Amino acid sequence: MASASRSADDREVSRVRILTAAAEIASECGYEGTTISRVTKRSGLPASSVYWFFRDKDHLIAEVVRHSFERWIAAQPRWERDPRDERPLAEGLHAILARSVRTLPDAPDFLRIGHMLLLESREVEAEARQYFLATRDAVAGSIAAWFTSYFGPELQARHPELAMDLARVVLASTDGLFLTHQIHDDWDPDDFIAIVVAIVDQAVADAG
């Protein structure tokens, strides 16, 4: 039993080594420049090990994005409002963003690679691009549901699209912050948070 457990642990260590190597290469060389030979050289593992875990390069890059996202999202505040939470929307939004945006400068692999794939066009859509888009849709849905929890029935009836529009504003803003940080590293998260919260708060006030 102990031997089987060690074997499983060894396999996971190898899998993570491959994912880490592929993430580094994709960040440096893009999707097209990421090759199995480069991954094997960087990871120090043979091609047979790569193909043991991943059927091809497309599957490997998709798993890089998935692995990075799952690690990142596990450390993020949840877009779930406690029914007992009586803070106004602006205060609640500030609390969530104050934690989440500070992780963006660390450049999670799923964001870096996902954005690169969004800008590339190819006849067959990469599996990683599909996963990245599906993940963004799911996150947008969670944020929209969080906004909706603050809206009364009348506001929801008058502006059924408002919550999703605000969710997209939040996502677009954090996208911009992430990309900006790749160019300039002198950023003030508190200023950024204050601007996003003010925009959202004013939009809700105008809609009401």
Protein backbone atom coordinates (compact mmCIF):
# COMPACT_ATOMS: atom_id res chain seq x y z
CA MET A 1 0.00 0.00 0.00
CA ALA A 2 2.82 2.41 0.92
CA SER A 3 4.62 1.54 -2.32
CA ALA A 4 1.49 2.28 -4.36
CA SER A 5 1.09 5.60 -2.57
CA ARG A 6 4.72 6.57 -3.31
CA SER A 7 4.23 5.57 -6.93
CA ALA A 8 1.16 7.81 -7.20
CA ASP A 9 3.07 10.66 -5.56
CA ASP A 10 5.97 10.20 -7.98
CA ARG A 11 3.61 10.31 -10.94
CA GLU A 12 2.06 13.54 -9.70
CA VAL A 13 5.51 15.08 -9.19
CA SER A 14 6.41 14.18 -12.77
CA ARG A 15 3.12 15.53 -14.09
CA VAL A 16 3.62 18.86 -12.31
CA ARG A 17 7.21 19.08 -13.61
CA ILE A 18 5.90 18.70 -17.14
CA LEU A 19 3.14 21.27 -16.59
CA THR A 20 5.62 23.74 -15.09
CA ALA A 21 8.03 23.32 -17.99
CA ALA A 22 5.27 23.70 -20.56
CA ALA A 23 3.94 26.83 -18.82
CA GLU A 24 7.39 28.44 -18.87
CA ILE A 25 7.94 27.63 -22.53
CA ALA A 26 4.46 28.77 -23.58
CA SER A 27 5.04 32.08 -21.78
CA GLU A 28 8.36 32.52 -23.58
CA CYS A 29 7.56 31.14 -27.03
CA GLY A 30 3.78 31.15 -27.38
CA TYR A 31 1.57 28.25 -28.37
CA GLU A 32 3.30 27.50 -31.67
CA GLY A 33 6.75 27.63 -30.09
CA THR A 34 5.83 25.16 -27.39
CA THR A 35 6.99 21.74 -28.57
CA ILE A 36 7.18 18.39 -26.86
CA SER A 37 10.94 18.31 -27.43
CA ARG A 38 11.34 21.62 -25.62
CA VAL A 39 9.14 20.42 -22.79
CA THR A 40 11.14 17.23 -22.35
CA LYS A 41 14.41 19.17 -22.34
CA ARG A 42 13.13 21.72 -19.81
CA SER A 43 11.47 19.17 -17.53
CA GLY A 44 14.27 16.60 -17.75
CA LEU A 45 11.71 13.87 -18.47
CA PRO A 46 11.46 11.75 -21.62
CA ALA A 47 8.79 12.18 -24.27
CA SER A 48 7.22 8.91 -23.14
CA SER A 49 6.47 10.53 -19.79
CA VAL A 50 4.80 13.48 -21.48
CA TYR A 51 2.62 11.21 -23.60
CA TRP A 52 1.78 9.09 -20.55
CA PHE A 53 -0.08 12.07 -19.10
CA PHE A 54 -1.08 14.09 -22.17
CA ARG A 55 -2.28 12.84 -25.54
CA ASP A 56 -0.69 15.73 -27.50
CA LYS A 57 0.57 19.29 -27.20
CA ASP A 58 -2.93 20.75 -27.37
CA HIS A 59 -4.03 18.63 -24.43
CA LEU A 60 -0.86 19.56 -22.52
CA ILE A 61 -1.38 23.32 -22.93
CA ALA A 62 -5.03 22.96 -21.96
CA GLU A 63 -3.97 21.19 -18.77
CA VAL A 64 -1.42 23.93 -18.06
CA VAL A 65 -4.24 26.48 -18.19
CA ARG A 66 -6.53 24.27 -16.11
CA HIS A 67 -3.86 23.52 -13.49
CA SER A 68 -2.91 27.18 -13.14
CA PHE A 69 -6.52 28.32 -12.89
CA GLU A 70 -7.43 25.75 -10.25
CA ARG A 71 -4.45 26.73 -8.10
CA TRP A 72 -5.22 30.43 -8.50
CA ILE A 73 -8.97 30.25 -7.90
CA ALA A 74 -8.51 28.16 -4.75
CA ALA A 75 -6.78 31.10 -3.09
CA GLN A 76 -9.32 33.71 -4.23
CA PRO A 77 -12.31 35.08 -2.31
CA ARG A 78 -15.55 33.47 -3.45
CA TRP A 79 -18.15 35.48 -5.31
CA GLU A 80 -20.80 34.27 -2.91
CA ARG A 81 -22.71 36.61 -0.65
CA ASP A 82 -23.58 35.50 2.85
CA PRO A 83 -27.30 36.25 3.43
CA ARG A 84 -26.27 37.81 6.75
CA ASP A 85 -23.88 40.22 5.05
CA GLU A 86 -25.48 43.65 5.29
CA ARG A 87 -22.61 45.63 3.80
CA PRO A 88 -23.54 47.87 0.84
CA LEU A 89 -22.55 46.67 -2.60
CA ALA A 90 -19.60 49.05 -2.89
CA GLU A 91 -18.10 47.88 0.39
CA GLY A 92 -18.57 44.21 -0.46
CA LEU A 93 -17.03 44.67 -3.91
CA HIS A 94 -14.08 46.53 -2.44
CA ALA A 95 -13.44 43.69 0.03
CA ILE A 96 -13.34 41.05 -2.73
CA LEU A 97 -11.21 43.08 -5.14
CA ALA A 98 -8.81 44.07 -2.37
CA ARG A 99 -7.81 40.42 -2.12
CA SER A 100 -8.09 39.21 -5.71
CA VAL A 101 -6.33 41.97 -7.68
CA ARG A 102 -3.18 41.69 -5.58
CA THR A 103 -2.53 38.26 -7.06
CA LEU A 104 -2.59 39.50 -10.67
CA PRO A 105 0.98 40.86 -10.81
CA ASP A 106 2.21 37.33 -10.12
CA ALA A 107 0.96 36.62 -13.65
CA PRO A 108 -0.95 33.34 -13.29
CA ASP A 109 -0.10 31.10 -16.24
CA PHE A 110 -3.73 30.65 -17.21
CA LEU A 111 -4.13 34.40 -17.73
CA ARG A 112 -0.90 34.87 -19.65
CA ILE A 113 -1.43 31.87 -21.93
CA GLY A 114 -5.17 32.41 -22.22
CA HIS A 115 -4.75 35.97 -23.44
CA MET A 116 -2.14 34.89 -25.98
CA LEU A 117 -4.52 32.26 -27.34
CA LEU A 118 -7.36 34.76 -27.58
CA LEU A 119 -5.26 36.89 -29.90
CA GLU A 120 -4.25 33.99 -32.12
CA SER A 121 -6.45 32.62 -34.88
CA ARG A 122 -6.18 29.14 -36.33
CA GLU A 123 -8.44 26.83 -38.28
CA VAL A 124 -8.81 24.43 -35.37
CA GLU A 125 -9.45 26.16 -32.06
CA ALA A 126 -7.02 25.14 -29.34
CA GLU A 127 -8.46 23.15 -26.45
CA ALA A 128 -6.78 25.56 -24.02
CA ARG A 129 -8.55 28.51 -25.65
CA GLN A 130 -11.91 26.75 -25.33
CA TYR A 131 -11.24 26.03 -21.67
CA PHE A 132 -10.10 29.59 -20.99
CA LEU A 133 -13.25 31.05 -22.57
CA ALA A 134 -15.50 28.61 -20.69
CA THR A 135 -13.75 29.51 -17.46
CA ARG A 136 -14.25 33.22 -18.08
CA ASP A 137 -17.93 32.63 -18.76
CA ALA A 138 -18.27 30.69 -15.50
CA VAL A 139 -16.49 33.40 -13.51
CA ALA A 140 -18.61 36.09 -15.14
CA GLY A 141 -21.72 34.13 -14.17
CA SER A 142 -20.57 33.94 -10.54
CA ILE A 143 -19.85 37.67 -10.41
CA ALA A 144 -23.20 38.48 -12.04
CA ALA A 145 -25.01 36.33 -9.48
CA TRP A 146 -23.19 38.19 -6.72
CA PHE A 147 -24.33 41.54 -8.13
CA THR A 148 -27.88 40.26 -8.54
CA SER A 149 -28.01 39.43 -4.82
CA TYR A 150 -27.91 43.18 -4.17
CA PHE A 151 -30.65 44.07 -6.64
CA GLY A 152 -34.30 44.29 -5.73
CA PRO A 153 -37.00 42.72 -7.95
CA GLU A 154 -37.84 46.05 -9.62
CA LEU A 155 -34.26 46.80 -10.59
CA GLN A 156 -33.81 43.29 -11.94
CA ALA A 157 -36.99 43.60 -13.99
CA ARG A 158 -36.03 46.99 -15.44
CA HIS A 159 -32.42 46.05 -16.17
CA PRO A 160 -32.09 42.27 -16.50
CA GLU A 161 -28.72 42.67 -18.24
CA LEU A 162 -27.19 44.96 -15.61
CA ALA A 163 -25.58 42.29 -13.42
CA MET A 164 -23.80 40.62 -16.35
CA ASP A 165 -22.72 43.99 -17.75
CA LEU A 166 -21.14 44.84 -14.40
CA ALA A 167 -19.48 41.42 -14.22
CA ARG A 168 -17.92 42.06 -17.62
CA VAL A 169 -16.73 45.48 -16.46
CA VAL A 170 -14.96 43.82 -13.52
CA LEU A 171 -13.37 41.19 -15.78
CA ALA A 172 -12.32 43.72 -18.42
CA SER A 173 -10.82 45.94 -15.73
CA THR A 174 -8.77 43.14 -14.23
CA ASP A 175 -7.68 42.08 -17.73
CA GLY A 176 -6.43 45.60 -18.29
CA LEU A 177 -4.61 45.66 -14.97
CA PHE A 178 -2.93 42.35 -15.73
CA LEU A 179 -1.76 43.50 -19.16
CA THR A 180 -0.65 46.88 -17.86
CA HIS A 181 1.48 45.24 -15.20
CA GLN A 182 3.36 43.36 -17.92
CA ILE A 183 4.54 46.78 -19.13
CA HIS A 184 4.71 48.84 -15.94
CA ASP A 185 5.28 47.45 -12.47
CA ASP A 186 4.52 50.68 -10.60
CA TRP A 187 0.84 50.22 -9.93
CA ASP A 188 -1.31 51.08 -6.94
CA PRO A 189 -3.96 48.41 -6.29
CA ASP A 190 -5.91 50.71 -3.98
CA ASP A 191 -6.32 53.32 -6.72
CA PHE A 192 -7.41 50.65 -9.20
CA ILE A 193 -9.94 49.17 -6.76
CA ALA A 194 -11.36 52.58 -5.92
CA ILE A 195 -11.91 53.37 -9.61
CA VAL A 196 -13.65 50.06 -10.38
CA VAL A 197 -15.86 50.31 -7.30
CA ALA A 198 -16.81 53.91 -8.16
CA ILE A 199 -17.75 52.93 -11.73
CA VAL A 200 -19.89 50.01 -10.57
CA ASP A 201 -21.53 51.98 -7.77
CA GLN A 202 -22.44 54.83 -10.11
CA ALA A 203 -23.83 52.44 -12.72
CA VAL A 204 -26.10 50.82 -10.14
CA ALA A 205 -27.20 54.24 -8.84
CA ASP A 206 -28.03 55.43 -12.35
CA ALA A 207 -29.98 52.25 -13.08
CA GLY A 208 -31.99 52.61 -9.87
